[in-house]
Amino acid sequence: MSMPPTTDIDALQAEIRACRVCEAHLEAGPRPIVQFSPAARLVIIGQAPGRKVHESGIPWDDASGDRLREWTGLDKAEFYDANLVALIPMGFCYPGTGASGDLPPRPECAPLWHDTILPLLPPDRLTLLVGSYAQARYLPETKRLSLTERVRRFADFGPTFLPLPHPSWRSSGWMTNNPWFETDVLPTLQKLVRENLR
């Protein structure tokens, strides 16, 4: 499933937009949604677009995105500036709906595209690993830890990575049960975001 290396950003983005590798598995059809440029020093790796994002074509264009922007302290202009922020989900297309919500990101996507995109970005970037799928790929040594334990131990993974819970509606209850996230993690997250966008 490896692709030939591409260094021209426009050509690479055109390749990604044309990707149909998972088409047979996507109930809504393929619509790869990703944002990046070689200047982006903040990378956010989430799960996969939801239905609303699939319809708009804008990454994190939903309530989860609002909460993520609140967590990071970024306004929409900063968040959607590809020269500042790369938005690279584990699956670029909406995977469809299962019995208990959206299906997991398609497993073909990250191996196919991440290893091509990420080497084009600044080496001293900060990568936010949002949710368990991103953490499983980029922090494989922590597979025995729960998501809560990984987030609590966020300082162990700096300055390269910072694990976060997914900012869905479910995170409200999670934050109530884990008040240290708001008092300890979020101030550090916002400080690191500002430092990397400076």
C-alpha atoms as a PDB file:
ATOM      1  CA  MET A   1       0.000   0.000   0.000  1.00  0.00           C
ATOM      2  CA  SER A   2       3.034   2.301  -0.061  1.00  0.00           C
ATOM      3  CA  MET A   3       2.908   5.281  -2.399  1.00  0.00           C
ATOM      4  CA  PRO A   4       5.813   6.907  -4.232  1.00  0.00           C
ATOM      5  CA  PRO A   5       7.275   9.813  -2.259  1.00  0.00           C
ATOM      6  CA  THR A   6       5.835  13.195  -3.178  1.00  0.00           C
ATOM      7  CA  THR A   7       7.455  16.462  -2.167  1.00  0.00           C
ATOM      8  CA  ASP A   8       5.297  18.942  -4.081  1.00  0.00           C
ATOM      9  CA  ILE A   9       2.581  19.966  -1.618  1.00  0.00           C
ATOM     10  CA  ASP A  10      -0.028  20.822  -4.245  1.00  0.00           C
ATOM     11  CA  ALA A  11       0.526  17.520  -6.016  1.00  0.00           C
ATOM     12  CA  LEU A  12       0.356  15.600  -2.750  1.00  0.00           C
ATOM     13  CA  GLN A  13      -2.866  17.320  -1.721  1.00  0.00           C
ATOM     14  CA  ALA A  14      -4.347  16.536  -5.138  1.00  0.00           C
ATOM     15  CA  GLU A  15      -3.362  12.871  -4.688  1.00  0.00           C
ATOM     16  CA  ILE A  16      -5.045  12.798  -1.306  1.00  0.00           C
ATOM     17  CA  ARG A  17      -8.234  14.419  -2.605  1.00  0.00           C
ATOM     18  CA  ALA A  18      -8.354  11.819  -5.370  1.00  0.00           C
ATOM     19  CA  CYS A  19      -7.813   8.863  -3.015  1.00  0.00           C
ATOM     20  CA  ARG A  20     -10.409   6.090  -3.392  1.00  0.00           C
ATOM     21  CA  VAL A  21      -8.625   3.277  -1.537  1.00  0.00           C
ATOM     22  CA  CYS A  22     -11.442   2.803   1.019  1.00  0.00           C
ATOM     23  CA  GLU A  23     -14.360   3.694  -1.273  1.00  0.00           C
ATOM     24  CA  ALA A  24     -16.043   0.290  -0.990  1.00  0.00           C
ATOM     25  CA  HIS A  25     -16.198   0.674   2.809  1.00  0.00           C
ATOM     26  CA  LEU A  26     -17.525   4.253   3.012  1.00  0.00           C
ATOM     27  CA  GLU A  27     -21.308   4.527   3.184  1.00  0.00           C
ATOM     28  CA  ALA A  28     -21.230   8.252   2.333  1.00  0.00           C
ATOM     29  CA  GLY A  29     -18.492   7.876  -0.286  1.00  0.00           C
ATOM     30  CA  PRO A  30     -14.928   9.196  -0.159  1.00  0.00           C
ATOM     31  CA  ARG A  31     -14.231  12.825   0.703  1.00  0.00           C
ATOM     32  CA  PRO A  32     -10.706  13.104   2.158  1.00  0.00           C
ATOM     33  CA  ILE A  33     -10.474  16.058   4.564  1.00  0.00           C
ATOM     34  CA  VAL A  34      -7.041  17.223   5.699  1.00  0.00           C
ATOM     35  CA  GLN A  35      -5.108  20.482   6.168  1.00  0.00           C
ATOM     36  CA  PHE A  36      -1.336  20.967   6.165  1.00  0.00           C
ATOM     37  CA  SER A  37       1.582  22.989   4.856  1.00  0.00           C
ATOM     38  CA  PRO A  38       5.368  22.653   5.317  1.00  0.00           C
ATOM     39  CA  ALA A  39       5.281  25.581   7.770  1.00  0.00           C
ATOM     40  CA  ALA A  40       2.812  24.135  10.294  1.00  0.00           C
ATOM     41  CA  ARG A  41       4.490  23.649  13.685  1.00  0.00           C
ATOM     42  CA  LEU A  42       1.322  22.468  15.407  1.00  0.00           C
ATOM     43  CA  VAL A  43      -0.119  19.151  14.244  1.00  0.00           C
ATOM     44  CA  ILE A  44      -3.463  17.830  15.433  1.00  0.00           C
ATOM     45  CA  ILE A  45      -4.082  14.143  14.769  1.00  0.00           C
ATOM     46  CA  GLY A  46      -7.665  13.212  15.508  1.00  0.00           C
ATOM     47  CA  GLN A  47      -9.879  10.291  14.564  1.00  0.00           C
ATOM     48  CA  ALA A  48     -11.913  10.809  11.379  1.00  0.00           C
ATOM     49  CA  PRO A  49     -14.449  13.336  10.096  1.00  0.00           C
ATOM     50  CA  GLY A  50     -17.999  13.018  11.361  1.00  0.00           C
ATOM     51  CA  ARG A  51     -21.063  13.387   9.180  1.00  0.00           C
ATOM     52  CA  LYS A  52     -21.253  17.179   9.584  1.00  0.00           C
ATOM     53  CA  VAL A  53     -17.595  17.580   8.616  1.00  0.00           C
ATOM     54  CA  HIS A  54     -18.102  15.244   5.652  1.00  0.00           C
ATOM     55  CA  GLU A  55     -20.933  17.480   4.468  1.00  0.00           C
ATOM     56  CA  SER A  56     -19.087  20.789   4.917  1.00  0.00           C
ATOM     57  CA  GLY A  57     -15.621  19.596   3.885  1.00  0.00           C
ATOM     58  CA  ILE A  58     -14.131  21.653   6.749  1.00  0.00           C
ATOM     59  CA  PRO A  59     -12.120  19.741   9.381  1.00  0.00           C
ATOM     60  CA  TRP A  60     -13.382  19.923  12.973  1.00  0.00           C
ATOM     61  CA  ASP A  61     -16.433  21.914  11.802  1.00  0.00           C
ATOM     62  CA  ASP A  62     -18.643  20.684  14.632  1.00  0.00           C
ATOM     63  CA  ALA A  63     -19.143  20.845  18.391  1.00  0.00           C
ATOM     64  CA  SER A  64     -16.028  18.727  18.966  1.00  0.00           C
ATOM     65  CA  GLY A  65     -14.029  21.279  17.010  1.00  0.00           C
ATOM     66  CA  ASP A  66     -15.447  24.105  19.103  1.00  0.00           C
ATOM     67  CA  ARG A  67     -14.335  22.333  22.267  1.00  0.00           C
ATOM     68  CA  LEU A  68     -10.899  21.520  20.831  1.00  0.00           C
ATOM     69  CA  ARG A  69     -10.373  25.169  19.904  1.00  0.00           C
ATOM     70  CA  GLU A  70     -11.410  26.134  23.428  1.00  0.00           C
ATOM     71  CA  TRP A  71      -8.914  23.659  24.889  1.00  0.00           C
ATOM     72  CA  THR A  72      -6.052  24.901  22.701  1.00  0.00           C
ATOM     73  CA  GLY A  73      -6.904  28.590  22.976  1.00  0.00           C
ATOM     74  CA  LEU A  74      -6.954  28.944  19.191  1.00  0.00           C
ATOM     75  CA  ASP A  75      -9.519  31.033  17.370  1.00  0.00           C
ATOM     76  CA  LYS A  76     -10.940  29.854  14.052  1.00  0.00           C
ATOM     77  CA  ALA A  77      -8.634  32.055  11.982  1.00  0.00           C
ATOM     78  CA  GLU A  78      -5.563  30.506  13.608  1.00  0.00           C
ATOM     79  CA  PHE A  79      -6.978  26.987  13.635  1.00  0.00           C
ATOM     80  CA  TYR A  80      -7.755  27.034   9.902  1.00  0.00           C
ATOM     81  CA  ASP A  81      -4.457  28.639   8.858  1.00  0.00           C
ATOM     82  CA  ALA A  82      -2.579  25.742   7.269  1.00  0.00           C
ATOM     83  CA  ASN A  83       0.704  27.587   7.758  1.00  0.00           C
ATOM     84  CA  LEU A  84       0.143  27.396  11.509  1.00  0.00           C
ATOM     85  CA  VAL A  85      -1.852  24.214  12.109  1.00  0.00           C
ATOM     86  CA  ALA A  86      -1.884  20.862  10.310  1.00  0.00           C
ATOM     87  CA  LEU A  87      -5.094  18.875  10.791  1.00  0.00           C
ATOM     88  CA  ILE A  88      -4.294  15.271   9.924  1.00  0.00           C
ATOM     89  CA  PRO A  89      -6.832  12.708  11.145  1.00  0.00           C
ATOM     90  CA  MET A  90      -6.200   8.989  11.425  1.00  0.00           C
ATOM     91  CA  GLY A  91      -8.824   8.502   8.728  1.00  0.00           C
ATOM     92  CA  PHE A  92      -9.360  11.277   6.186  1.00  0.00           C
ATOM     93  CA  CYS A  93     -12.916  10.240   5.227  1.00  0.00           C
ATOM     94  CA  TYR A  94     -16.123   9.852   7.226  1.00  0.00           C
ATOM     95  CA  PRO A  95     -16.228   6.134   8.063  1.00  0.00           C
ATOM     96  CA  GLY A  96     -19.989   5.885   8.558  1.00  0.00           C
ATOM     97  CA  THR A  97     -22.150   5.089  11.550  1.00  0.00           C
ATOM     98  CA  GLY A  98     -22.192   1.948  13.658  1.00  0.00           C
ATOM     99  CA  ALA A  99     -24.365   0.716  16.514  1.00  0.00           C
ATOM    100  CA  SER A 100     -22.893   3.111  19.083  1.00  0.00           C
ATOM    101  CA  GLY A 101     -21.798   6.105  17.012  1.00  0.00           C
ATOM    102  CA  ASP A 102     -19.314   6.723  14.225  1.00  0.00           C
ATOM    103  CA  LEU A 103     -17.256   3.763  13.067  1.00  0.00           C
ATOM    104  CA  PRO A 104     -13.485   3.745  13.718  1.00  0.00           C
ATOM    105  CA  PRO A 105     -11.171   5.464  11.221  1.00  0.00           C
ATOM    106  CA  ARG A 106     -10.383   3.266   8.239  1.00  0.00           C
ATOM    107  CA  PRO A 107      -7.101   1.450   8.991  1.00  0.00           C
ATOM    108  CA  GLU A 108      -5.694   1.987   5.485  1.00  0.00           C
ATOM    109  CA  CYS A 109      -5.469   5.769   5.721  1.00  0.00           C
ATOM    110  CA  ALA A 110      -2.740   6.555   8.257  1.00  0.00           C
ATOM    111  CA  PRO A 111      -0.190   4.040   6.873  1.00  0.00           C
ATOM    112  CA  LEU A 112      -0.900   5.317   3.384  1.00  0.00           C
ATOM    113  CA  TRP A 113      -0.605   9.065   3.982  1.00  0.00           C
ATOM    114  CA  HIS A 114       0.881  10.007   7.352  1.00  0.00           C
ATOM    115  CA  ASP A 115       4.377   8.785   6.499  1.00  0.00           C
ATOM    116  CA  THR A 116       4.312  10.952   3.374  1.00  0.00           C
ATOM    117  CA  ILE A 117       2.916  14.117   4.972  1.00  0.00           C
ATOM    118  CA  LEU A 118       4.698  14.275   8.323  1.00  0.00           C
ATOM    119  CA  PRO A 119       8.307  14.344   7.004  1.00  0.00           C
ATOM    120  CA  LEU A 120       7.379  17.507   5.084  1.00  0.00           C
ATOM    121  CA  LEU A 121       6.524  19.370   8.304  1.00  0.00           C
ATOM    122  CA  PRO A 122       8.977  21.117  10.653  1.00  0.00           C
ATOM    123  CA  PRO A 123      10.907  18.608  12.783  1.00  0.00           C
ATOM    124  CA  ASP A 124      10.428  20.670  15.963  1.00  0.00           C
ATOM    125  CA  ARG A 125       6.632  20.555  15.750  1.00  0.00           C
ATOM    126  CA  LEU A 126       4.193  19.793  18.570  1.00  0.00           C
ATOM    127  CA  THR A 127       1.718  17.007  17.801  1.00  0.00           C
ATOM    128  CA  LEU A 128      -1.556  16.739  19.705  1.00  0.00           C
ATOM    129  CA  LEU A 129      -2.767  13.135  19.746  1.00  0.00           C
ATOM    130  CA  VAL A 130      -6.519  13.461  20.108  1.00  0.00           C
ATOM    131  CA  GLY A 131      -8.179  10.213  21.127  1.00  0.00           C
ATOM    132  CA  SER A 132      -7.112   6.608  21.471  1.00  0.00           C
ATOM    133  CA  TYR A 133      -6.570   5.815  17.776  1.00  0.00           C
ATOM    134  CA  ALA A 134      -3.897   8.496  17.335  1.00  0.00           C
ATOM    135  CA  GLN A 135      -2.287   7.525  20.629  1.00  0.00           C
ATOM    136  CA  ALA A 136      -2.193   3.837  19.692  1.00  0.00           C
ATOM    137  CA  ARG A 137      -0.258   4.635  16.510  1.00  0.00           C
ATOM    138  CA  TYR A 138       2.139   7.262  17.838  1.00  0.00           C
ATOM    139  CA  LEU A 139       2.595   6.104  21.439  1.00  0.00           C
ATOM    140  CA  PRO A 140       2.639   2.311  20.946  1.00  0.00           C
ATOM    141  CA  GLU A 141       4.720   1.810  24.077  1.00  0.00           C
ATOM    142  CA  THR A 142       1.706   2.983  26.133  1.00  0.00           C
ATOM    143  CA  LYS A 143      -0.771   0.397  24.843  1.00  0.00           C
ATOM    144  CA  ARG A 144      -1.235  -1.026  28.346  1.00  0.00           C
ATOM    145  CA  LEU A 145      -2.282   2.374  29.677  1.00  0.00           C
ATOM    146  CA  SER A 146      -5.808   3.720  29.532  1.00  0.00           C
ATOM    147  CA  LEU A 147      -6.447   6.966  27.692  1.00  0.00           C
ATOM    148  CA  THR A 148      -6.924   8.658  31.063  1.00  0.00           C
ATOM    149  CA  GLU A 149      -3.529   7.434  32.256  1.00  0.00           C
ATOM    150  CA  ARG A 150      -1.823   8.626  29.071  1.00  0.00           C
ATOM    151  CA  VAL A 151      -3.387  12.073  29.362  1.00  0.00           C
ATOM    152  CA  ARG A 152      -2.516  12.291  33.065  1.00  0.00           C
ATOM    153  CA  ARG A 153       1.114  11.480  32.194  1.00  0.00           C
ATOM    154  CA  PHE A 154       1.201  14.003  29.334  1.00  0.00           C
ATOM    155  CA  ALA A 155       4.539  15.462  30.476  1.00  0.00           C
ATOM    156  CA  ASP A 156       6.237  12.114  29.766  1.00  0.00           C
ATOM    157  CA  PHE A 157       5.697  12.535  26.018  1.00  0.00           C
ATOM    158  CA  GLY A 158       6.919  16.090  25.486  1.00  0.00           C
ATOM    159  CA  PRO A 159       8.103  18.074  23.767  1.00  0.00           C
ATOM    160  CA  THR A 160       6.994  16.112  20.686  1.00  0.00           C
ATOM    161  CA  PHE A 161       3.592  14.709  21.647  1.00  0.00           C
ATOM    162  CA  LEU A 162       0.735  15.671  23.910  1.00  0.00           C
ATOM    163  CA  PRO A 163      -2.119  13.139  24.308  1.00  0.00           C
ATOM    164  CA  LEU A 164      -5.664  14.435  24.722  1.00  0.00           C
ATOM    165  CA  PRO A 165      -9.098  12.873  25.076  1.00  0.00           C
ATOM    166  CA  HIS A 166     -11.442  13.260  22.149  1.00  0.00           C
ATOM    167  CA  PRO A 167     -13.402  16.515  22.636  1.00  0.00           C
ATOM    168  CA  SER A 168     -16.804  14.940  21.938  1.00  0.00           C
ATOM    169  CA  TRP A 169     -19.846  15.502  24.161  1.00  0.00           C
ATOM    170  CA  ARG A 170     -18.665  12.519  26.223  1.00  0.00           C
ATOM    171  CA  SER A 171     -15.626  14.496  27.377  1.00  0.00           C
ATOM    172  CA  SER A 172     -17.828  16.693  29.592  1.00  0.00           C
ATOM    173  CA  GLY A 173     -18.420  13.802  31.979  1.00  0.00           C
ATOM    174  CA  TRP A 174     -14.797  12.703  31.668  1.00  0.00           C
ATOM    175  CA  MET A 175     -13.597  16.186  32.644  1.00  0.00           C
ATOM    176  CA  THR A 176     -15.926  16.212  35.648  1.00  0.00           C
ATOM    177  CA  ASN A 177     -14.390  12.941  36.815  1.00  0.00           C
ATOM    178  CA  ASN A 178     -10.845  14.137  36.096  1.00  0.00           C
ATOM    179  CA  PRO A 179     -10.624  17.776  37.253  1.00  0.00           C
ATOM    180  CA  TRP A 180      -6.814  17.703  36.951  1.00  0.00           C
ATOM    181  CA  PHE A 181      -7.262  17.900  33.173  1.00  0.00           C
ATOM    182  CA  GLU A 182      -8.593  21.435  33.418  1.00  0.00           C
ATOM    183  CA  THR A 183      -6.204  22.588  36.149  1.00  0.00           C
ATOM    184  CA  ASP A 184      -2.984  20.883  35.002  1.00  0.00           C
ATOM    185  CA  VAL A 185      -3.200  19.867  31.347  1.00  0.00           C
ATOM    186  CA  LEU A 186      -5.069  22.706  29.666  1.00  0.00           C
ATOM    187  CA  PRO A 187      -2.801  25.556  30.878  1.00  0.00           C
ATOM    188  CA  THR A 188       0.257  23.605  29.711  1.00  0.00           C
ATOM    189  CA  LEU A 189      -1.435  22.759  26.417  1.00  0.00           C
ATOM    190  CA  GLN A 190      -2.262  26.400  25.721  1.00  0.00           C
ATOM    191  CA  LYS A 191       1.245  27.521  26.662  1.00  0.00           C
ATOM    192  CA  LEU A 192       2.841  24.945  24.343  1.00  0.00           C
ATOM    193  CA  VAL A 193       0.479  25.840  21.502  1.00  0.00           C
ATOM    194  CA  ARG A 194       1.420  29.514  21.789  1.00  0.00           C
ATOM    195  CA  GLU A 195       5.125  28.709  21.926  1.00  0.00           C
ATOM    196  CA  ASN A 196       4.915  26.602  18.779  1.00  0.00           C
ATOM    197  CA  LEU A 197       2.915  29.185  16.845  1.00  0.00           C
ATOM    198  CA  ARG A 198       5.282  31.998  17.783  1.00  0.00           C
END
